[in-house]
Amino acid sequence: MITVQYCAAGHYDYQNYWLDHQVNSAGGASVRIKFRNDSEKTIKYIVFCTTPYNRVEDAVASRYSHQNGRLQCTGPINPGAIKDAFWENVWYNNSIYVARIDSVEIEYMDGSRKYIDKSEIKYDKLGGGGCYVATAVYGSYDCPQVWTLRRYRDDTLAATWYGRAFVKTYYAISPTLVKWFGDTEWFKKMWKGKLDRMVNKLNESGVEDTPYDDKQW
């Protein structure tokens, strides 16, 4: 089995920042999936069967019919290991906003296989797909401001029971808020000033804003 920590359609810009919910200048939508091998076996190959959707959650087609959403990742991926996989220009359609996983096919090094249906896919709400409000405000999960906030979450908030309780509450509420209001200018404006001040204070106190991989906790 695996745990999906992050799944998104987007692209890397010229500064190598990953931008969620955006296609590149040619209309190409790439896919990024971060997952953990929760089994006791080493993964040889894993295939994610995916579908692109627009902003109103309607499935959309690529402009090129030969393309499909079967995304293969080659191992070995050891038990407990985390893999951050990326597939460039999976589809071409300017309306693509998100990618959804329909199923997962796994082949292990011992030759055994595992099929995971959509309803059985496990998602990890902590460590890998969070910072919903900050991502909506800054436009990317991988940018200096969000790297700072993710470090603060993992190194400070996660160190106490009440900090972890806060994060769990945040993850229970913020996805819905972002889904409803994340693309509106008033929502981004309302949060940007607050987040900018918080990020500045964290940077001044020594929290780095360099590229960061989420911790497991």
N, C-alpha and C. Protein backbone atom coordinates (compact mmCIF):
# COMPACT_ATOMS: atom_id res chain seq x y z
N MET A 1 0.84 -1.20 0.00
CA MET A 1 0.00 0.00 0.00
C MET A 1 0.88 1.25 0.00
N ILE A 2 0.26 2.36 -0.38
CA ILE A 2 0.97 3.65 -0.36
C ILE A 2 0.08 4.70 0.30
N THR A 3 0.70 5.81 0.67
CA THR A 3 -0.03 6.98 1.13
C THR A 3 0.34 8.15 0.23
N VAL A 4 -0.66 8.75 -0.40
CA VAL A 4 -0.43 9.90 -1.26
C VAL A 4 -0.40 11.15 -0.39
N GLN A 5 0.71 11.86 -0.46
CA GLN A 5 0.85 13.08 0.32
C GLN A 5 0.51 14.33 -0.47
N TYR A 6 0.64 14.23 -1.79
CA TYR A 6 0.44 15.43 -2.61
C TYR A 6 0.15 14.99 -4.04
N CYS A 7 -0.85 15.61 -4.65
CA CYS A 7 -1.17 15.34 -6.05
C CYS A 7 -1.70 16.62 -6.67
N ALA A 8 -1.07 17.08 -7.73
CA ALA A 8 -1.50 18.35 -8.32
C ALA A 8 -1.14 18.44 -9.78
N ALA A 9 -1.94 19.19 -10.52
CA ALA A 9 -1.60 19.58 -11.89
C ALA A 9 -1.02 20.98 -11.83
N GLY A 10 -0.03 21.25 -12.64
CA GLY A 10 0.60 22.57 -12.64
C GLY A 10 1.82 22.56 -13.54
N HIS A 11 2.82 23.37 -13.20
CA HIS A 11 4.08 23.36 -13.95
C HIS A 11 5.16 24.08 -13.15
N TYR A 12 6.42 23.83 -13.53
CA TYR A 12 7.54 24.54 -12.93
C TYR A 12 7.82 25.79 -13.76
N ASP A 13 7.99 26.94 -13.08
CA ASP A 13 8.28 28.16 -13.82
C ASP A 13 9.79 28.30 -14.04
N TYR A 14 10.21 29.44 -14.57
CA TYR A 14 11.61 29.63 -14.93
C TYR A 14 12.53 29.66 -13.72
N GLN A 15 11.97 29.90 -12.52
CA GLN A 15 12.76 29.87 -11.30
C GLN A 15 12.70 28.51 -10.61
N ASN A 16 12.12 27.54 -11.31
CA ASN A 16 11.96 26.19 -10.80
C ASN A 16 11.04 26.13 -9.59
N TYR A 17 10.06 27.03 -9.52
CA TYR A 17 9.01 26.97 -8.51
C TYR A 17 7.82 26.22 -9.11
N TRP A 18 7.29 25.29 -8.33
CA TRP A 18 6.11 24.56 -8.78
C TRP A 18 4.88 25.42 -8.58
N LEU A 19 4.07 25.57 -9.61
CA LEU A 19 2.86 26.39 -9.57
C LEU A 19 1.65 25.48 -9.71
N ASP A 20 0.85 25.39 -8.65
CA ASP A 20 -0.38 24.59 -8.69
C ASP A 20 -1.42 25.23 -9.60
N HIS A 21 -2.29 24.39 -10.17
CA HIS A 21 -3.49 24.85 -10.88
C HIS A 21 -3.17 25.72 -12.10
N GLN A 22 -1.99 25.59 -12.67
CA GLN A 22 -1.63 26.43 -13.80
C GLN A 22 -0.99 25.59 -14.89
N VAL A 23 -1.28 25.96 -16.15
CA VAL A 23 -0.61 25.33 -17.28
C VAL A 23 0.51 26.24 -17.74
N ASN A 24 1.43 25.71 -18.54
CA ASN A 24 2.52 26.55 -19.01
C ASN A 24 2.08 27.37 -20.23
N SER A 25 3.01 28.10 -20.81
CA SER A 25 2.66 29.02 -21.91
C SER A 25 2.14 28.30 -23.14
N ALA A 26 2.44 27.00 -23.26
CA ALA A 26 1.94 26.21 -24.39
C ALA A 26 0.65 25.48 -24.06
N GLY A 27 0.14 25.68 -22.85
CA GLY A 27 -1.09 25.00 -22.44
C GLY A 27 -0.84 23.63 -21.85
N GLY A 28 0.43 23.31 -21.58
CA GLY A 28 0.75 21.99 -21.04
C GLY A 28 0.58 21.91 -19.54
N ALA A 29 -0.08 20.86 -19.09
CA ALA A 29 -0.28 20.63 -17.65
C ALA A 29 0.57 19.44 -17.24
N SER A 30 1.50 19.68 -16.31
CA SER A 30 2.31 18.60 -15.76
C SER A 30 1.63 18.08 -14.50
N VAL A 31 2.10 16.95 -14.02
CA VAL A 31 1.53 16.34 -12.82
C VAL A 31 2.66 16.03 -11.84
N ARG A 32 2.41 16.34 -10.58
CA ARG A 32 3.36 16.04 -9.51
C ARG A 32 2.64 15.25 -8.43
N ILE A 33 3.19 14.09 -8.08
CA ILE A 33 2.61 13.24 -7.04
C ILE A 33 3.71 12.85 -6.05
N LYS A 34 3.45 13.10 -4.79
CA LYS A 34 4.38 12.72 -3.72
C LYS A 34 3.71 11.64 -2.89
N PHE A 35 4.42 10.53 -2.69
CA PHE A 35 3.79 9.41 -2.00
C PHE A 35 4.82 8.65 -1.16
N ARG A 36 4.31 7.86 -0.23
CA ARG A 36 5.16 7.04 0.64
C ARG A 36 4.82 5.57 0.46
N ASN A 37 5.82 4.73 0.40
CA ASN A 37 5.62 3.29 0.33
C ASN A 37 5.36 2.76 1.73
N ASP A 38 4.11 2.42 2.02
CA ASP A 38 3.73 1.94 3.35
C ASP A 38 3.82 0.42 3.48
N SER A 39 4.18 -0.27 2.43
CA SER A 39 4.25 -1.72 2.48
C SER A 39 5.61 -2.17 3.02
N GLU A 40 5.75 -3.46 3.22
CA GLU A 40 7.02 -4.03 3.66
C GLU A 40 7.84 -4.54 2.48
N LYS A 41 7.36 -4.24 1.26
CA LYS A 41 8.04 -4.67 0.05
C LYS A 41 8.60 -3.46 -0.71
N THR A 42 9.63 -3.72 -1.51
CA THR A 42 10.22 -2.68 -2.34
C THR A 42 9.46 -2.59 -3.66
N ILE A 43 9.05 -1.38 -4.02
CA ILE A 43 8.30 -1.17 -5.26
C ILE A 43 9.25 -1.12 -6.45
N LYS A 44 8.93 -1.90 -7.48
CA LYS A 44 9.69 -1.89 -8.73
C LYS A 44 9.13 -0.87 -9.70
N TYR A 45 7.82 -0.94 -9.91
CA TYR A 45 7.12 0.03 -10.76
C TYR A 45 5.80 0.41 -10.08
N ILE A 46 5.40 1.66 -10.29
CA ILE A 46 4.08 2.08 -9.82
C ILE A 46 3.46 2.97 -10.90
N VAL A 47 2.20 2.71 -11.21
CA VAL A 47 1.48 3.47 -12.24
C VAL A 47 0.28 4.15 -11.61
N PHE A 48 0.20 5.46 -11.78
CA PHE A 48 -0.95 6.24 -11.31
C PHE A 48 -1.84 6.53 -12.51
N CYS A 49 -3.08 6.07 -12.47
CA CYS A 49 -4.05 6.36 -13.53
C CYS A 49 -4.80 7.63 -13.12
N THR A 50 -4.65 8.69 -13.89
CA THR A 50 -5.14 10.00 -13.49
C THR A 50 -6.06 10.63 -14.53
N THR A 51 -6.84 11.59 -14.08
CA THR A 51 -7.76 12.33 -14.95
C THR A 51 -7.65 13.81 -14.62
N PRO A 52 -7.61 14.69 -15.65
CA PRO A 52 -7.59 16.13 -15.39
C PRO A 52 -9.00 16.70 -15.28
N TYR A 53 -9.15 17.70 -14.42
CA TYR A 53 -10.43 18.37 -14.22
C TYR A 53 -10.24 19.88 -14.30
N ASN A 54 -11.34 20.57 -14.67
CA ASN A 54 -11.28 22.03 -14.69
C ASN A 54 -11.73 22.59 -13.33
N ARG A 55 -11.91 23.89 -13.26
CA ARG A 55 -12.23 24.56 -12.00
C ARG A 55 -13.57 24.15 -11.41
N VAL A 56 -14.49 23.74 -12.26
CA VAL A 56 -15.81 23.34 -11.76
C VAL A 56 -15.94 21.82 -11.64
N GLU A 57 -14.79 21.14 -11.62
CA GLU A 57 -14.72 19.70 -11.38
C GLU A 57 -15.32 18.87 -12.51
N ASP A 58 -15.28 19.39 -13.73
CA ASP A 58 -15.65 18.59 -14.89
C ASP A 58 -14.38 18.00 -15.50
N ALA A 59 -14.41 16.71 -15.83
CA ALA A 59 -13.27 16.09 -16.49
C ALA A 59 -13.08 16.70 -17.87
N VAL A 60 -11.83 16.94 -18.24
CA VAL A 60 -11.53 17.56 -19.54
C VAL A 60 -10.58 16.65 -20.32
N ALA A 61 -10.54 16.86 -21.62
CA ALA A 61 -9.69 16.05 -22.50
C ALA A 61 -8.50 16.86 -22.96
N SER A 62 -7.44 16.15 -23.29
CA SER A 62 -6.27 16.80 -23.86
C SER A 62 -6.53 17.13 -25.32
N ARG A 63 -5.83 18.14 -25.82
CA ARG A 63 -5.95 18.49 -27.24
C ARG A 63 -5.37 17.40 -28.13
N TYR A 64 -4.51 16.56 -27.57
CA TYR A 64 -3.88 15.51 -28.35
C TYR A 64 -4.39 14.16 -27.86
N SER A 65 -5.08 13.45 -28.72
CA SER A 65 -5.79 12.25 -28.31
C SER A 65 -4.87 11.09 -27.90
N HIS A 66 -3.57 11.14 -28.33
CA HIS A 66 -2.69 10.03 -28.01
C HIS A 66 -2.25 10.05 -26.55
N GLN A 67 -2.48 11.16 -25.87
CA GLN A 67 -2.03 11.25 -24.49
C GLN A 67 -3.02 10.59 -23.54
N ASN A 68 -2.50 10.07 -22.43
CA ASN A 68 -3.37 9.51 -21.41
C ASN A 68 -2.77 9.80 -20.05
N GLY A 69 -3.51 9.46 -19.05
CA GLY A 69 -3.08 9.78 -17.70
C GLY A 69 -2.45 8.63 -16.96
N ARG A 70 -1.86 7.65 -17.67
CA ARG A 70 -1.14 6.56 -17.01
C ARG A 70 0.29 7.01 -16.75
N LEU A 71 0.58 7.33 -15.51
CA LEU A 71 1.87 7.91 -15.15
C LEU A 71 2.70 6.87 -14.40
N GLN A 72 3.78 6.42 -15.03
CA GLN A 72 4.60 5.37 -14.43
C GLN A 72 5.82 5.95 -13.74
N CYS A 73 6.10 5.43 -12.57
CA CYS A 73 7.28 5.81 -11.80
C CYS A 73 8.10 4.54 -11.57
N THR A 74 9.40 4.60 -11.85
CA THR A 74 10.27 3.44 -11.72
C THR A 74 11.05 3.47 -10.42
N GLY A 75 11.09 2.34 -9.73
CA GLY A 75 11.81 2.23 -8.47
C GLY A 75 13.28 1.98 -8.66
N PRO A 76 13.95 1.38 -7.68
CA PRO A 76 13.33 0.82 -6.48
C PRO A 76 12.92 1.88 -5.46
N ILE A 77 11.74 1.67 -4.86
CA ILE A 77 11.24 2.53 -3.80
C ILE A 77 11.10 1.65 -2.56
N ASN A 78 12.00 1.83 -1.63
CA ASN A 78 12.08 0.96 -0.46
C ASN A 78 10.93 1.19 0.51
N PRO A 79 10.67 0.20 1.37
CA PRO A 79 9.62 0.38 2.39
C PRO A 79 9.87 1.61 3.24
N GLY A 80 8.84 2.44 3.40
CA GLY A 80 8.95 3.65 4.19
C GLY A 80 9.51 4.84 3.44
N ALA A 81 10.01 4.63 2.22
CA ALA A 81 10.62 5.72 1.46
C ALA A 81 9.54 6.64 0.87
N ILE A 82 9.89 7.91 0.72
CA ILE A 82 9.01 8.91 0.13
C ILE A 82 9.54 9.28 -1.25
N LYS A 83 8.67 9.29 -2.23
CA LYS A 83 9.03 9.61 -3.61
C LYS A 83 8.25 10.83 -4.07
N ASP A 84 8.96 11.82 -4.60
CA ASP A 84 8.33 13.02 -5.17
C ASP A 84 8.49 12.92 -6.68
N ALA A 85 7.44 12.48 -7.37
CA ALA A 85 7.52 12.18 -8.80
C ALA A 85 6.90 13.30 -9.62
N PHE A 86 7.40 13.47 -10.84
CA PHE A 86 6.96 14.56 -11.71
C PHE A 86 6.91 14.07 -13.15
N TRP A 87 5.80 14.39 -13.83
CA TRP A 87 5.62 14.06 -15.25
C TRP A 87 5.31 15.35 -16.00
N GLU A 88 6.12 15.67 -16.97
CA GLU A 88 5.99 16.96 -17.67
C GLU A 88 5.01 16.87 -18.83
N ASN A 89 4.16 17.89 -18.94
CA ASN A 89 3.22 18.04 -20.06
C ASN A 89 2.43 16.76 -20.33
N VAL A 90 1.73 16.30 -19.31
CA VAL A 90 0.91 15.10 -19.44
C VAL A 90 -0.28 15.37 -20.36
N TRP A 91 -0.88 16.54 -20.22
CA TRP A 91 -2.01 16.94 -21.07
C TRP A 91 -1.80 18.36 -21.57
N TYR A 92 -2.51 18.69 -22.65
CA TYR A 92 -2.52 20.06 -23.18
C TYR A 92 -3.96 20.54 -23.24
N ASN A 93 -4.31 21.39 -22.32
CA ASN A 93 -5.64 21.99 -22.30
C ASN A 93 -5.60 23.14 -21.31
N ASN A 94 -5.89 24.34 -21.76
CA ASN A 94 -5.76 25.53 -20.91
C ASN A 94 -6.74 25.57 -19.75
N SER A 95 -7.76 24.72 -19.77
CA SER A 95 -8.75 24.74 -18.69
C SER A 95 -8.40 23.80 -17.54
N ILE A 96 -7.32 23.03 -17.67
CA ILE A 96 -6.96 22.07 -16.62
C ILE A 96 -6.58 22.79 -15.33
N TYR A 97 -7.16 22.33 -14.23
CA TYR A 97 -6.94 22.96 -12.93
C TYR A 97 -6.38 21.99 -11.90
N VAL A 98 -6.86 20.75 -11.90
CA VAL A 98 -6.38 19.75 -10.94
C VAL A 98 -6.24 18.40 -11.63
N ALA A 99 -5.49 17.50 -10.98
CA ALA A 99 -5.39 16.11 -11.42
C ALA A 99 -5.89 15.23 -10.30
N ARG A 100 -6.69 14.23 -10.65
CA ARG A 100 -7.21 13.28 -9.67
C ARG A 100 -6.71 11.87 -10.00
N ILE A 101 -6.41 11.12 -8.96
CA ILE A 101 -5.96 9.74 -9.15
C ILE A 101 -7.17 8.81 -9.17
N ASP A 102 -7.30 8.02 -10.23
CA ASP A 102 -8.41 7.08 -10.37
C ASP A 102 -8.07 5.71 -9.80
N SER A 103 -6.83 5.31 -9.94
CA SER A 103 -6.38 4.02 -9.42
C SER A 103 -4.86 3.99 -9.42
N VAL A 104 -4.33 2.99 -8.72
CA VAL A 104 -2.87 2.82 -8.64
C VAL A 104 -2.55 1.36 -8.90
N GLU A 105 -1.55 1.11 -9.72
CA GLU A 105 -1.09 -0.25 -10.02
C GLU A 105 0.37 -0.36 -9.57
N ILE A 106 0.66 -1.34 -8.72
CA ILE A 106 2.00 -1.50 -8.16
C ILE A 106 2.57 -2.87 -8.51
N GLU A 107 3.82 -2.90 -8.94
CA GLU A 107 4.56 -4.15 -9.10
C GLU A 107 5.75 -4.10 -8.15
N TYR A 108 5.87 -5.12 -7.32
CA TYR A 108 6.95 -5.17 -6.34
C TYR A 108 8.14 -5.94 -6.90
N MET A 109 9.28 -5.78 -6.24
CA MET A 109 10.51 -6.43 -6.69
C MET A 109 10.40 -7.95 -6.64
N ASP A 110 9.54 -8.47 -5.77
CA ASP A 110 9.39 -9.93 -5.69
C ASP A 110 8.43 -10.49 -6.74
N GLY A 111 7.92 -9.62 -7.62
CA GLY A 111 7.04 -10.06 -8.69
C GLY A 111 5.56 -9.97 -8.38
N SER A 112 5.20 -9.74 -7.13
CA SER A 112 3.78 -9.61 -6.78
C SER A 112 3.25 -8.25 -7.23
N ARG A 113 1.93 -8.18 -7.35
CA ARG A 113 1.29 -6.96 -7.83
C ARG A 113 0.16 -6.55 -6.89
N LYS A 114 -0.15 -5.26 -6.91
CA LYS A 114 -1.25 -4.73 -6.09
C LYS A 114 -2.00 -3.68 -6.90
N TYR A 115 -3.32 -3.80 -6.91
CA TYR A 115 -4.19 -2.80 -7.56
C TYR A 115 -4.97 -2.08 -6.48
N ILE A 116 -4.92 -0.75 -6.51
CA ILE A 116 -5.62 0.06 -5.51
C ILE A 116 -6.67 0.90 -6.22
N ASP A 117 -7.92 0.66 -5.90
CA ASP A 117 -9.02 1.41 -6.50
C ASP A 117 -9.10 2.82 -5.90
N LYS A 118 -9.76 3.69 -6.60
CA LYS A 118 -9.91 5.08 -6.17
C LYS A 118 -10.42 5.18 -4.74
N SER A 119 -11.39 4.37 -4.40
CA SER A 119 -12.00 4.43 -3.06
C SER A 119 -11.06 3.94 -1.97
N GLU A 120 -9.99 3.24 -2.36
CA GLU A 120 -9.06 2.66 -1.39
C GLU A 120 -7.78 3.46 -1.23
N ILE A 121 -7.61 4.51 -2.04
CA ILE A 121 -6.38 5.30 -1.98
C ILE A 121 -6.34 6.09 -0.68
N LYS A 122 -5.23 5.98 0.01
CA LYS A 122 -5.05 6.68 1.28
C LYS A 122 -4.31 8.00 1.05
N TYR A 123 -4.87 9.09 1.58
CA TYR A 123 -4.26 10.40 1.47
C TYR A 123 -3.82 10.89 2.85
N ASP A 124 -2.65 11.50 2.89
CA ASP A 124 -2.11 12.02 4.13
C ASP A 124 -2.35 13.53 4.16
N LYS A 125 -3.16 13.99 5.11
CA LYS A 125 -3.47 15.41 5.21
C LYS A 125 -2.36 16.20 5.88
N LEU A 126 -1.43 15.51 6.53
CA LEU A 126 -0.33 16.19 7.21
C LEU A 126 0.97 15.84 6.49
N GLY A 127 1.74 16.87 6.18
CA GLY A 127 3.04 16.63 5.60
C GLY A 127 2.99 16.28 4.13
N GLY A 128 2.73 17.26 3.27
CA GLY A 128 2.86 17.00 1.85
C GLY A 128 1.80 17.61 0.99
N GLY A 129 0.68 18.03 1.51
CA GLY A 129 -0.33 18.63 0.66
C GLY A 129 -1.06 19.74 1.36
N GLY A 130 -0.44 20.30 2.38
CA GLY A 130 -1.12 21.29 3.19
C GLY A 130 -0.77 22.72 2.84
N CYS A 131 -0.84 23.59 3.85
CA CYS A 131 -0.63 25.03 3.66
C CYS A 131 -1.57 25.55 2.57
N TYR A 132 -2.83 25.15 2.66
CA TYR A 132 -3.79 25.46 1.61
C TYR A 132 -3.96 26.96 1.38
N VAL A 133 -4.16 27.71 2.47
CA VAL A 133 -4.38 29.14 2.33
C VAL A 133 -3.13 29.82 1.76
N ALA A 134 -1.96 29.48 2.32
CA ALA A 134 -0.71 30.08 1.84
C ALA A 134 -0.46 29.74 0.38
N THR A 135 -0.76 28.51 -0.02
CA THR A 135 -0.58 28.11 -1.41
C THR A 135 -1.51 28.91 -2.32
N ALA A 136 -2.74 29.13 -1.88
CA ALA A 136 -3.68 29.93 -2.67
C ALA A 136 -3.22 31.37 -2.79
N VAL A 137 -2.68 31.92 -1.71
CA VAL A 137 -2.24 33.32 -1.69
C VAL A 137 -1.00 33.53 -2.55
N TYR A 138 0.00 32.65 -2.40
CA TYR A 138 1.27 32.83 -3.09
C TYR A 138 1.34 32.11 -4.43
N GLY A 139 0.35 31.26 -4.73
CA GLY A 139 0.27 30.63 -6.03
C GLY A 139 1.09 29.38 -6.21
N SER A 140 1.77 28.92 -5.15
CA SER A 140 2.60 27.73 -5.27
C SER A 140 2.83 27.10 -3.91
N TYR A 141 2.94 25.77 -3.90
CA TYR A 141 3.32 25.05 -2.68
C TYR A 141 4.82 25.10 -2.47
N ASP A 142 5.56 25.37 -3.55
CA ASP A 142 7.02 25.44 -3.50
C ASP A 142 7.48 26.84 -3.86
N CYS A 143 7.52 27.71 -2.88
CA CYS A 143 8.03 29.06 -3.01
C CYS A 143 8.58 29.48 -1.65
N PRO A 144 9.44 30.49 -1.56
CA PRO A 144 10.09 30.84 -0.29
C PRO A 144 9.13 31.07 0.87
N GLN A 145 8.01 31.74 0.63
CA GLN A 145 7.08 32.02 1.73
C GLN A 145 6.47 30.73 2.29
N VAL A 146 6.05 29.83 1.39
CA VAL A 146 5.43 28.59 1.84
C VAL A 146 6.47 27.64 2.43
N TRP A 147 7.69 27.66 1.91
CA TRP A 147 8.76 26.87 2.54
C TRP A 147 8.96 27.29 3.99
N THR A 148 8.93 28.61 4.22
CA THR A 148 9.07 29.11 5.59
C THR A 148 7.95 28.59 6.49
N LEU A 149 6.71 28.70 6.02
CA LEU A 149 5.56 28.27 6.82
C LEU A 149 5.56 26.77 7.04
N ARG A 150 5.98 26.01 6.07
CA ARG A 150 6.04 24.56 6.24
C ARG A 150 7.08 24.17 7.28
N ARG A 151 8.22 24.87 7.30
CA ARG A 151 9.23 24.62 8.33
C ARG A 151 8.68 24.94 9.72
N TYR A 152 7.96 26.05 9.82
CA TYR A 152 7.38 26.44 11.10
C TYR A 152 6.37 25.39 11.56
N ARG A 153 5.56 24.90 10.65
CA ARG A 153 4.60 23.85 10.97
C ARG A 153 5.28 22.62 11.52
N ASP A 154 6.31 22.15 10.80
CA ASP A 154 6.96 20.88 11.16
C ASP A 154 7.89 20.99 12.36
N ASP A 155 8.60 22.10 12.49
CA ASP A 155 9.61 22.23 13.54
C ASP A 155 9.08 22.83 14.83
N THR A 156 8.02 23.63 14.74
CA THR A 156 7.52 24.32 15.93
C THR A 156 6.13 23.82 16.34
N LEU A 157 5.17 23.93 15.44
CA LEU A 157 3.81 23.52 15.79
C LEU A 157 3.74 22.02 16.09
N ALA A 158 4.43 21.23 15.31
CA ALA A 158 4.35 19.78 15.49
C ALA A 158 5.05 19.31 16.77
N ALA A 159 5.78 20.19 17.42
CA ALA A 159 6.53 19.80 18.62
C ALA A 159 5.65 19.72 19.87
N THR A 160 4.41 20.23 19.80
CA THR A 160 3.52 20.23 20.96
C THR A 160 2.17 19.64 20.59
N TRP A 161 1.47 19.12 21.58
CA TRP A 161 0.16 18.52 21.30
C TRP A 161 -0.83 19.56 20.83
N TYR A 162 -0.76 20.77 21.44
CA TYR A 162 -1.71 21.81 21.03
C TYR A 162 -1.37 22.37 19.66
N GLY A 163 -0.09 22.36 19.29
CA GLY A 163 0.29 22.77 17.95
C GLY A 163 -0.22 21.79 16.91
N ARG A 164 -0.09 20.49 17.21
CA ARG A 164 -0.60 19.47 16.29
C ARG A 164 -2.12 19.54 16.19
N ALA A 165 -2.77 19.84 17.32
CA ALA A 165 -4.24 19.97 17.31
C ALA A 165 -4.65 21.13 16.42
N PHE A 166 -3.90 22.23 16.50
CA PHE A 166 -4.20 23.39 15.65
C PHE A 166 -4.07 23.02 14.17
N VAL A 167 -2.98 22.32 13.83
CA VAL A 167 -2.75 21.97 12.43
C VAL A 167 -3.85 21.05 11.91
N LYS A 168 -4.25 20.07 12.75
CA LYS A 168 -5.32 19.16 12.33
C LYS A 168 -6.63 19.89 12.11
N THR A 169 -6.91 20.87 12.98
CA THR A 169 -8.12 21.68 12.80
C THR A 169 -8.03 22.50 11.53
N TYR A 170 -6.86 23.06 11.29
CA TYR A 170 -6.63 23.85 10.08
C TYR A 170 -6.86 23.01 8.82
N TYR A 171 -6.34 21.77 8.83
CA TYR A 171 -6.50 20.90 7.66
C TYR A 171 -7.94 20.42 7.49
N ALA A 172 -8.71 20.47 8.56
CA ALA A 172 -10.12 20.07 8.45
C ALA A 172 -10.97 21.18 7.85
N ILE A 173 -10.54 22.43 8.02
CA ILE A 173 -11.34 23.58 7.59
C ILE A 173 -10.83 24.22 6.30
N SER A 174 -9.52 24.42 6.22
CA SER A 174 -8.98 25.25 5.14
C SER A 174 -9.21 24.72 3.73
N PRO A 175 -9.21 23.40 3.46
CA PRO A 175 -9.46 22.97 2.08
C PRO A 175 -10.80 23.44 1.54
N THR A 176 -11.82 23.42 2.38
CA THR A 176 -13.14 23.89 1.94
C THR A 176 -13.13 25.39 1.68
N LEU A 177 -12.48 26.15 2.56
CA LEU A 177 -12.40 27.60 2.36
C LEU A 177 -11.70 27.93 1.05
N VAL A 178 -10.59 27.24 0.81
CA VAL A 178 -9.84 27.50 -0.42
C VAL A 178 -10.63 27.08 -1.64
N LYS A 179 -11.35 25.97 -1.55
CA LYS A 179 -12.16 25.52 -2.68
C LYS A 179 -13.23 26.54 -3.04
N TRP A 180 -13.84 27.15 -2.00
CA TRP A 180 -14.90 28.13 -2.23
C TRP A 180 -14.36 29.49 -2.65
N PHE A 181 -13.29 29.94 -1.97
CA PHE A 181 -12.87 31.33 -2.11
C PHE A 181 -11.43 31.52 -2.58
N GLY A 182 -10.67 30.43 -2.76
CA GLY A 182 -9.24 30.55 -3.03
C GLY A 182 -8.86 31.30 -4.28
N ASP A 183 -9.76 31.37 -5.26
CA ASP A 183 -9.43 32.08 -6.51
C ASP A 183 -9.92 33.53 -6.52
N THR A 184 -10.53 33.98 -5.44
CA THR A 184 -11.05 35.34 -5.40
C THR A 184 -9.98 36.31 -4.91
N GLU A 185 -9.99 37.51 -5.45
CA GLU A 185 -8.99 38.51 -5.08
C GLU A 185 -9.16 38.97 -3.65
N TRP A 186 -10.41 39.08 -3.17
CA TRP A 186 -10.61 39.57 -1.80
C TRP A 186 -10.06 38.58 -0.78
N PHE A 187 -10.17 37.29 -1.07
CA PHE A 187 -9.64 36.27 -0.16
C PHE A 187 -8.12 36.36 -0.08
N LYS A 188 -7.47 36.46 -1.24
CA LYS A 188 -6.01 36.55 -1.26
C LYS A 188 -5.53 37.84 -0.60
N LYS A 189 -6.22 38.95 -0.87
CA LYS A 189 -5.83 40.22 -0.27
C LYS A 189 -6.00 40.20 1.24
N MET A 190 -7.07 39.57 1.71
CA MET A 190 -7.34 39.50 3.14
C MET A 190 -6.22 38.76 3.88
N TRP A 191 -5.69 37.71 3.27
CA TRP A 191 -4.69 36.88 3.93
C TRP A 191 -3.26 37.29 3.65
N LYS A 192 -2.99 37.94 2.52
CA LYS A 192 -1.60 38.17 2.13
C LYS A 192 -0.84 39.03 3.12
N GLY A 193 -1.45 40.12 3.58
CA GLY A 193 -0.76 40.99 4.53
C GLY A 193 -0.41 40.26 5.82
N LYS A 194 -1.36 39.48 6.32
CA LYS A 194 -1.12 38.71 7.55
C LYS A 194 0.00 37.70 7.36
N LEU A 195 -0.06 36.97 6.23
CA LEU A 195 0.97 35.97 5.98
C LEU A 195 2.34 36.60 5.74
N ASP A 196 2.37 37.73 5.02
CA ASP A 196 3.64 38.41 4.77
C ASP A 196 4.31 38.80 6.09
N ARG A 197 3.53 39.36 7.02
CA ARG A 197 4.09 39.76 8.31
C ARG A 197 4.58 38.55 9.10
N MET A 198 3.81 37.46 9.05
CA MET A 198 4.20 36.25 9.77
C MET A 198 5.48 35.66 9.18
N VAL A 199 5.56 35.61 7.86
CA VAL A 199 6.75 35.07 7.20
C VAL A 199 7.97 35.92 7.51
N ASN A 200 7.82 37.23 7.48
CA ASN A 200 8.94 38.12 7.78
C ASN A 200 9.46 37.90 9.20
N LYS A 201 8.55 37.76 10.16
CA LYS A 201 8.95 37.52 11.54
C LYS A 201 9.66 36.19 11.69
N LEU A 202 9.14 35.16 11.01
CA LEU A 202 9.78 33.85 11.07
C LEU A 202 11.17 33.88 10.46
N ASN A 203 11.32 34.56 9.32
CA ASN A 203 12.64 34.68 8.70
C ASN A 203 13.61 35.44 9.60
N GLU A 204 13.12 36.49 10.24
CA GLU A 204 13.97 37.27 11.14
C GLU A 204 14.40 36.46 12.36
N SER A 205 13.56 35.49 12.75
CA SER A 205 13.89 34.66 13.91
C SER A 205 14.75 33.45 13.54
N GLY A 206 15.07 33.32 12.26
CA GLY A 206 15.98 32.26 11.84
C GLY A 206 15.37 31.14 11.03
N VAL A 207 14.07 31.18 10.78
CA VAL A 207 13.44 30.14 9.95
C VAL A 207 13.81 30.38 8.49
N GLU A 208 14.39 29.40 7.85
CA GLU A 208 14.87 29.56 6.48
C GLU A 208 13.75 29.54 5.45
N ASP A 209 14.01 30.14 4.29
CA ASP A 209 13.03 30.15 3.20
C ASP A 209 13.58 29.43 1.97
N THR A 210 14.46 28.46 2.20
CA THR A 210 15.05 27.68 1.12
C THR A 210 14.20 26.44 0.83
N PRO A 211 14.43 25.75 -0.30
CA PRO A 211 13.63 24.57 -0.63
C PRO A 211 13.55 23.57 0.51
N TYR A 212 12.38 22.97 0.67
CA TYR A 212 12.10 22.17 1.86
C TYR A 212 11.26 20.95 1.52
N ASP A 213 11.61 19.81 2.14
CA ASP A 213 10.82 18.59 2.05
C ASP A 213 10.09 18.38 3.37
N ASP A 214 8.79 18.14 3.32
CA ASP A 214 8.00 18.01 4.53
C ASP A 214 8.46 16.83 5.39
N LYS A 215 8.35 16.99 6.69
CA LYS A 215 8.64 15.92 7.64
C LYS A 215 7.38 15.09 7.90
N GLN A 216 7.60 13.88 8.35
CA GLN A 216 6.48 13.01 8.72
C GLN A 216 6.29 13.09 10.24
N TRP A 217 5.06 13.35 10.67
CA TRP A 217 4.78 13.44 12.13
C TRP A 217 3.32 13.14 12.39
